[in-house]
Amino acid sequence: MKQLFGFLFAILIVYVIYFDLTVGTLPAAFTQQRVDAKIETTTVKSKTDIPSFEAKVKPGETVISIVEHKLKKPLPVSITDLINDFQKLNPSQSPEKIQIGSTYHFPDYSK
């Protein structure tokens, strides 16, 4: 019985190490501090009349966090308006399913 528990414990340790190396276990706030200097944004004229900027999604980021980081303050619009504007700027993309490493257009509410 001790050997079974020892074997299961060893498998648990291997899984934890694998998960930590592939996905990571640091909270998004900590990784955000390291990423702040790396955010690449440019002002872009899109096909809509919504002012926007382009940003590459980093791990732990959401549409809301990216827009709030750009503004350096809380959202001046409702979340529903943000979602609608994001979908107008990125017609084939759902805000809930943005991919890490991909670049999207985000509404710019700084003006």
N, C-alpha and C. Protein backbone atom coordinates (compact mmCIF):
# COMPACT_ATOMS: atom_id res chain seq x y z
N MET A 1 0.82 -1.19 0.00
CA MET A 1 0.00 0.00 0.00
C MET A 1 0.88 1.27 0.00
N LYS A 2 1.97 1.25 0.77
CA LYS A 2 2.87 2.41 0.80
C LYS A 2 3.49 2.65 -0.58
N GLN A 3 3.77 1.56 -1.28
CA GLN A 3 4.36 1.70 -2.62
C GLN A 3 3.36 2.35 -3.57
N LEU A 4 2.09 2.02 -3.46
CA LEU A 4 1.05 2.63 -4.31
C LEU A 4 0.96 4.13 -4.05
N PHE A 5 0.92 4.52 -2.77
CA PHE A 5 0.87 5.94 -2.45
C PHE A 5 2.14 6.66 -2.90
N GLY A 6 3.28 6.01 -2.75
CA GLY A 6 4.53 6.60 -3.23
C GLY A 6 4.53 6.80 -4.73
N PHE A 7 4.01 5.83 -5.46
CA PHE A 7 3.92 5.92 -6.92
C PHE A 7 2.96 7.04 -7.33
N LEU A 8 1.78 7.12 -6.69
CA LEU A 8 0.81 8.18 -7.00
C LEU A 8 1.38 9.56 -6.65
N PHE A 9 2.11 9.64 -5.56
CA PHE A 9 2.72 10.91 -5.17
C PHE A 9 3.77 11.33 -6.20
N ALA A 10 4.56 10.38 -6.69
CA ALA A 10 5.57 10.69 -7.71
C ALA A 10 4.91 11.18 -8.99
N ILE A 11 3.80 10.56 -9.39
CA ILE A 11 3.08 10.99 -10.58
C ILE A 11 2.52 12.40 -10.37
N LEU A 12 2.00 12.68 -9.18
CA LEU A 12 1.50 14.02 -8.88
C LEU A 12 2.61 15.05 -9.00
N ILE A 13 3.77 14.77 -8.47
CA ILE A 13 4.90 15.70 -8.54
C ILE A 13 5.31 15.94 -9.99
N VAL A 14 5.38 14.90 -10.80
CA VAL A 14 5.74 15.06 -12.22
C VAL A 14 4.70 15.92 -12.93
N TYR A 15 3.43 15.69 -12.64
CA TYR A 15 2.36 16.49 -13.27
C TYR A 15 2.46 17.96 -12.87
N VAL A 16 2.70 18.23 -11.59
CA VAL A 16 2.81 19.61 -11.12
C VAL A 16 3.98 20.31 -11.79
N ILE A 17 5.09 19.65 -11.92
CA ILE A 17 6.25 20.24 -12.59
C ILE A 17 5.94 20.50 -14.06
N TYR A 18 5.31 19.55 -14.73
CA TYR A 18 4.94 19.72 -16.14
C TYR A 18 3.98 20.90 -16.30
N PHE A 19 2.96 20.98 -15.45
CA PHE A 19 1.98 22.07 -15.53
C PHE A 19 2.67 23.42 -15.31
N ASP A 20 3.55 23.49 -14.33
CA ASP A 20 4.24 24.74 -14.02
C ASP A 20 5.11 25.20 -15.19
N LEU A 21 5.78 24.27 -15.85
CA LEU A 21 6.67 24.64 -16.95
C LEU A 21 5.91 24.98 -18.23
N THR A 22 4.77 24.37 -18.47
CA THR A 22 4.04 24.62 -19.71
C THR A 22 3.03 25.74 -19.60
N VAL A 23 2.23 25.76 -18.54
CA VAL A 23 1.18 26.76 -18.39
C VAL A 23 1.60 27.88 -17.47
N GLY A 24 2.23 27.54 -16.37
CA GLY A 24 2.66 28.53 -15.40
C GLY A 24 1.65 28.65 -14.28
N THR A 25 2.13 29.14 -13.15
CA THR A 25 1.26 29.28 -11.99
C THR A 25 1.29 30.67 -11.39
N LEU A 26 1.95 31.60 -12.05
CA LEU A 26 1.99 32.96 -11.53
C LEU A 26 0.67 33.67 -11.80
N PRO A 27 0.18 34.47 -10.86
CA PRO A 27 -1.07 35.20 -11.11
C PRO A 27 -0.88 36.23 -12.22
N ALA A 28 -1.98 36.57 -12.88
CA ALA A 28 -1.93 37.49 -14.01
C ALA A 28 -1.39 38.86 -13.60
N ALA A 29 -1.67 39.31 -12.39
CA ALA A 29 -1.20 40.63 -11.96
C ALA A 29 0.33 40.68 -11.93
N PHE A 30 0.97 39.61 -11.48
CA PHE A 30 2.43 39.58 -11.44
C PHE A 30 3.01 39.56 -12.85
N THR A 31 2.45 38.74 -13.71
CA THR A 31 2.98 38.67 -15.07
C THR A 31 2.68 39.96 -15.81
N GLN A 32 1.59 40.64 -15.47
CA GLN A 32 1.25 41.90 -16.12
C GLN A 32 2.32 42.95 -15.86
N GLN A 33 2.89 42.98 -14.64
CA GLN A 33 3.93 43.95 -14.34
C GLN A 33 5.14 43.73 -15.24
N ARG A 34 5.47 42.48 -15.52
CA ARG A 34 6.62 42.19 -16.37
C ARG A 34 6.33 42.49 -17.83
N VAL A 35 5.06 42.44 -18.22
CA VAL A 35 4.68 42.59 -19.61
C VAL A 35 4.40 44.04 -19.97
N ASP A 36 4.15 44.89 -18.96
CA ASP A 36 3.77 46.28 -19.23
C ASP A 36 4.71 46.96 -20.22
N ALA A 37 5.98 46.73 -20.10
CA ALA A 37 6.95 47.38 -20.98
C ALA A 37 6.94 46.78 -22.38
N LYS A 38 6.35 45.59 -22.53
CA LYS A 38 6.40 44.90 -23.81
C LYS A 38 5.15 45.07 -24.65
N ILE A 39 4.12 45.75 -24.14
CA ILE A 39 2.87 45.89 -24.90
C ILE A 39 3.14 46.75 -26.13
N GLU A 40 2.77 46.20 -27.25
CA GLU A 40 2.96 46.90 -28.52
C GLU A 40 1.61 47.42 -28.98
N THR A 41 1.46 48.74 -29.04
CA THR A 41 0.20 49.29 -29.52
C THR A 41 0.49 50.33 -30.59
N THR A 42 -0.39 50.38 -31.55
CA THR A 42 -0.32 51.39 -32.58
C THR A 42 -1.73 51.86 -32.88
N THR A 43 -1.87 53.11 -33.20
CA THR A 43 -3.17 53.62 -33.57
C THR A 43 -3.45 53.22 -35.01
N VAL A 44 -4.65 52.71 -35.22
CA VAL A 44 -4.98 52.15 -36.53
C VAL A 44 -6.33 52.70 -36.98
N LYS A 45 -6.41 53.08 -38.23
CA LYS A 45 -7.68 53.44 -38.85
C LYS A 45 -8.30 52.16 -39.35
N SER A 46 -9.46 51.82 -38.83
CA SER A 46 -10.11 50.60 -39.27
C SER A 46 -11.25 50.93 -40.22
N LYS A 47 -11.94 49.88 -40.65
CA LYS A 47 -13.04 50.05 -41.59
C LYS A 47 -14.26 50.70 -40.93
N THR A 48 -14.30 50.68 -39.61
CA THR A 48 -15.41 51.32 -38.89
C THR A 48 -14.98 52.71 -38.45
N ASP A 49 -15.93 53.47 -37.93
CA ASP A 49 -15.60 54.82 -37.45
C ASP A 49 -15.24 54.81 -35.96
N ILE A 50 -15.01 53.63 -35.41
CA ILE A 50 -14.62 53.51 -34.00
C ILE A 50 -13.11 53.69 -33.91
N PRO A 51 -12.64 54.65 -33.09
CA PRO A 51 -11.19 54.77 -32.91
C PRO A 51 -10.65 53.49 -32.28
N SER A 52 -9.51 53.03 -32.77
CA SER A 52 -9.00 51.76 -32.26
C SER A 52 -7.48 51.76 -32.22
N PHE A 53 -6.96 50.77 -31.52
CA PHE A 53 -5.52 50.51 -31.50
C PHE A 53 -5.34 49.01 -31.64
N GLU A 54 -4.17 48.62 -32.05
CA GLU A 54 -3.85 47.21 -32.27
C GLU A 54 -2.92 46.75 -31.16
N ALA A 55 -3.20 45.59 -30.59
CA ALA A 55 -2.34 45.06 -29.53
C ALA A 55 -2.25 43.55 -29.65
N LYS A 56 -1.09 43.04 -29.26
CA LYS A 56 -0.85 41.60 -29.24
C LYS A 56 -1.21 41.07 -27.86
N VAL A 57 -1.99 40.01 -27.79
CA VAL A 57 -2.48 39.48 -26.52
C VAL A 57 -1.38 38.68 -25.83
N LYS A 58 -1.15 38.99 -24.56
CA LYS A 58 -0.17 38.30 -23.73
C LYS A 58 -0.91 37.36 -22.78
N PRO A 59 -0.23 36.39 -22.18
CA PRO A 59 -0.88 35.47 -21.25
C PRO A 59 -1.54 36.21 -20.09
N GLY A 60 -2.75 35.81 -19.76
CA GLY A 60 -3.47 36.40 -18.63
C GLY A 60 -4.26 37.64 -18.97
N GLU A 61 -4.19 38.12 -20.18
CA GLU A 61 -4.89 39.33 -20.55
C GLU A 61 -6.28 39.02 -21.10
N THR A 62 -7.18 39.97 -20.90
CA THR A 62 -8.52 39.91 -21.47
C THR A 62 -8.75 41.19 -22.26
N VAL A 63 -9.85 41.26 -22.97
CA VAL A 63 -10.18 42.47 -23.72
C VAL A 63 -10.27 43.65 -22.75
N ILE A 64 -10.93 43.44 -21.62
CA ILE A 64 -11.08 44.52 -20.64
C ILE A 64 -9.73 44.97 -20.09
N SER A 65 -8.87 44.02 -19.72
CA SER A 65 -7.59 44.40 -19.13
C SER A 65 -6.70 45.14 -20.14
N ILE A 66 -6.76 44.74 -21.40
CA ILE A 66 -5.94 45.42 -22.42
C ILE A 66 -6.41 46.85 -22.62
N VAL A 67 -7.72 47.05 -22.70
CA VAL A 67 -8.25 48.40 -22.90
C VAL A 67 -7.99 49.26 -21.67
N GLU A 68 -8.21 48.71 -20.47
CA GLU A 68 -7.95 49.48 -19.25
C GLU A 68 -6.46 49.83 -19.12
N HIS A 69 -5.58 48.92 -19.53
CA HIS A 69 -4.15 49.21 -19.46
C HIS A 69 -3.79 50.36 -20.41
N LYS A 70 -4.37 50.35 -21.59
CA LYS A 70 -4.13 51.43 -22.56
C LYS A 70 -4.61 52.77 -22.01
N LEU A 71 -5.80 52.74 -21.34
CA LEU A 71 -6.37 53.98 -20.80
C LEU A 71 -5.69 54.42 -19.50
N LYS A 72 -5.12 53.44 -18.79
CA LYS A 72 -4.53 53.67 -17.47
C LYS A 72 -5.60 54.14 -16.48
N LYS A 73 -6.84 53.68 -16.66
CA LYS A 73 -7.96 53.97 -15.76
C LYS A 73 -9.08 52.99 -16.07
N PRO A 74 -10.12 52.94 -15.23
CA PRO A 74 -11.25 52.03 -15.51
C PRO A 74 -11.98 52.40 -16.79
N LEU A 75 -12.75 51.46 -17.30
CA LEU A 75 -13.49 51.68 -18.54
C LEU A 75 -14.50 52.81 -18.41
N PRO A 76 -14.54 53.72 -19.39
CA PRO A 76 -15.53 54.80 -19.35
C PRO A 76 -16.87 54.38 -19.98
N VAL A 77 -16.96 53.16 -20.48
CA VAL A 77 -18.18 52.66 -21.10
C VAL A 77 -18.57 51.34 -20.43
N SER A 78 -19.77 50.86 -20.73
CA SER A 78 -20.19 49.59 -20.16
C SER A 78 -19.46 48.44 -20.84
N ILE A 79 -19.44 47.30 -20.17
CA ILE A 79 -18.79 46.13 -20.73
C ILE A 79 -19.51 45.68 -22.01
N THR A 80 -20.82 45.83 -22.03
CA THR A 80 -21.59 45.48 -23.23
C THR A 80 -21.15 46.32 -24.42
N ASP A 81 -20.96 47.63 -24.21
CA ASP A 81 -20.49 48.50 -25.30
C ASP A 81 -19.09 48.09 -25.75
N LEU A 82 -18.23 47.75 -24.80
CA LEU A 82 -16.87 47.31 -25.14
C LEU A 82 -16.92 46.05 -25.99
N ILE A 83 -17.74 45.08 -25.60
CA ILE A 83 -17.86 43.83 -26.36
C ILE A 83 -18.39 44.11 -27.77
N ASN A 84 -19.42 44.94 -27.87
CA ASN A 84 -19.98 45.27 -29.18
C ASN A 84 -18.96 45.96 -30.08
N ASP A 85 -18.22 46.92 -29.52
CA ASP A 85 -17.20 47.62 -30.30
C ASP A 85 -16.07 46.67 -30.73
N PHE A 86 -15.66 45.78 -29.81
CA PHE A 86 -14.61 44.81 -30.16
C PHE A 86 -15.08 43.93 -31.31
N GLN A 87 -16.33 43.49 -31.27
CA GLN A 87 -16.84 42.62 -32.33
C GLN A 87 -17.00 43.37 -33.65
N LYS A 88 -17.26 44.67 -33.61
CA LYS A 88 -17.32 45.47 -34.85
C LYS A 88 -15.93 45.59 -35.46
N LEU A 89 -14.92 45.73 -34.61
CA LEU A 89 -13.55 45.87 -35.10
C LEU A 89 -12.95 44.54 -35.55
N ASN A 90 -13.41 43.45 -34.95
CA ASN A 90 -12.93 42.10 -35.26
C ASN A 90 -14.14 41.21 -35.53
N PRO A 91 -14.75 41.32 -36.71
CA PRO A 91 -16.02 40.65 -36.98
C PRO A 91 -16.02 39.13 -36.80
N SER A 92 -14.94 38.48 -37.05
CA SER A 92 -14.93 37.02 -36.97
C SER A 92 -14.43 36.50 -35.62
N GLN A 93 -14.27 37.38 -34.63
CA GLN A 93 -13.68 36.97 -33.37
C GLN A 93 -14.57 37.31 -32.18
N SER A 94 -14.74 36.35 -31.28
CA SER A 94 -15.47 36.56 -30.03
C SER A 94 -14.49 37.06 -28.98
N PRO A 95 -14.87 38.05 -28.16
CA PRO A 95 -13.94 38.55 -27.14
C PRO A 95 -13.57 37.50 -26.09
N GLU A 96 -14.44 36.52 -25.91
CA GLU A 96 -14.16 35.46 -24.94
C GLU A 96 -13.13 34.46 -25.46
N LYS A 97 -12.87 34.48 -26.75
CA LYS A 97 -11.99 33.46 -27.34
C LYS A 97 -10.75 34.06 -28.00
N ILE A 98 -10.25 35.18 -27.46
CA ILE A 98 -9.02 35.73 -28.03
C ILE A 98 -7.85 34.79 -27.71
N GLN A 99 -6.89 34.74 -28.60
CA GLN A 99 -5.78 33.81 -28.49
C GLN A 99 -4.50 34.54 -28.08
N ILE A 100 -3.75 33.92 -27.19
CA ILE A 100 -2.47 34.47 -26.76
C ILE A 100 -1.53 34.51 -27.97
N GLY A 101 -0.87 35.64 -28.15
CA GLY A 101 0.08 35.80 -29.25
C GLY A 101 -0.55 36.37 -30.52
N SER A 102 -1.89 36.43 -30.56
CA SER A 102 -2.56 37.00 -31.74
C SER A 102 -2.74 38.50 -31.56
N THR A 103 -2.85 39.21 -32.67
CA THR A 103 -3.03 40.66 -32.64
C THR A 103 -4.46 40.99 -33.05
N TYR A 104 -5.09 41.88 -32.28
CA TYR A 104 -6.48 42.27 -32.53
C TYR A 104 -6.59 43.79 -32.48
N HIS A 105 -7.69 44.30 -33.00
CA HIS A 105 -8.03 45.72 -32.88
C HIS A 105 -8.91 45.88 -31.65
N PHE A 106 -8.57 46.85 -30.80
CA PHE A 106 -9.33 47.14 -29.59
C PHE A 106 -9.85 48.55 -29.66
N PRO A 107 -11.07 48.80 -29.17
CA PRO A 107 -11.61 50.17 -29.20
C PRO A 107 -10.77 51.08 -28.29
N ASP A 108 -10.54 52.29 -28.76
CA ASP A 108 -9.73 53.27 -28.04
C ASP A 108 -10.67 54.33 -27.48
N TYR A 109 -10.89 54.31 -26.16
CA TYR A 109 -11.79 55.25 -25.50
C TYR A 109 -11.03 56.40 -24.85
N SER A 110 -9.80 56.62 -25.23
CA SER A 110 -8.99 57.67 -24.59
C SER A 110 -9.36 59.07 -25.07
N LYS A 111 -10.12 59.18 -26.13
CA LYS A 111 -10.45 60.50 -26.68
C LYS A 111 -11.83 60.94 -26.29
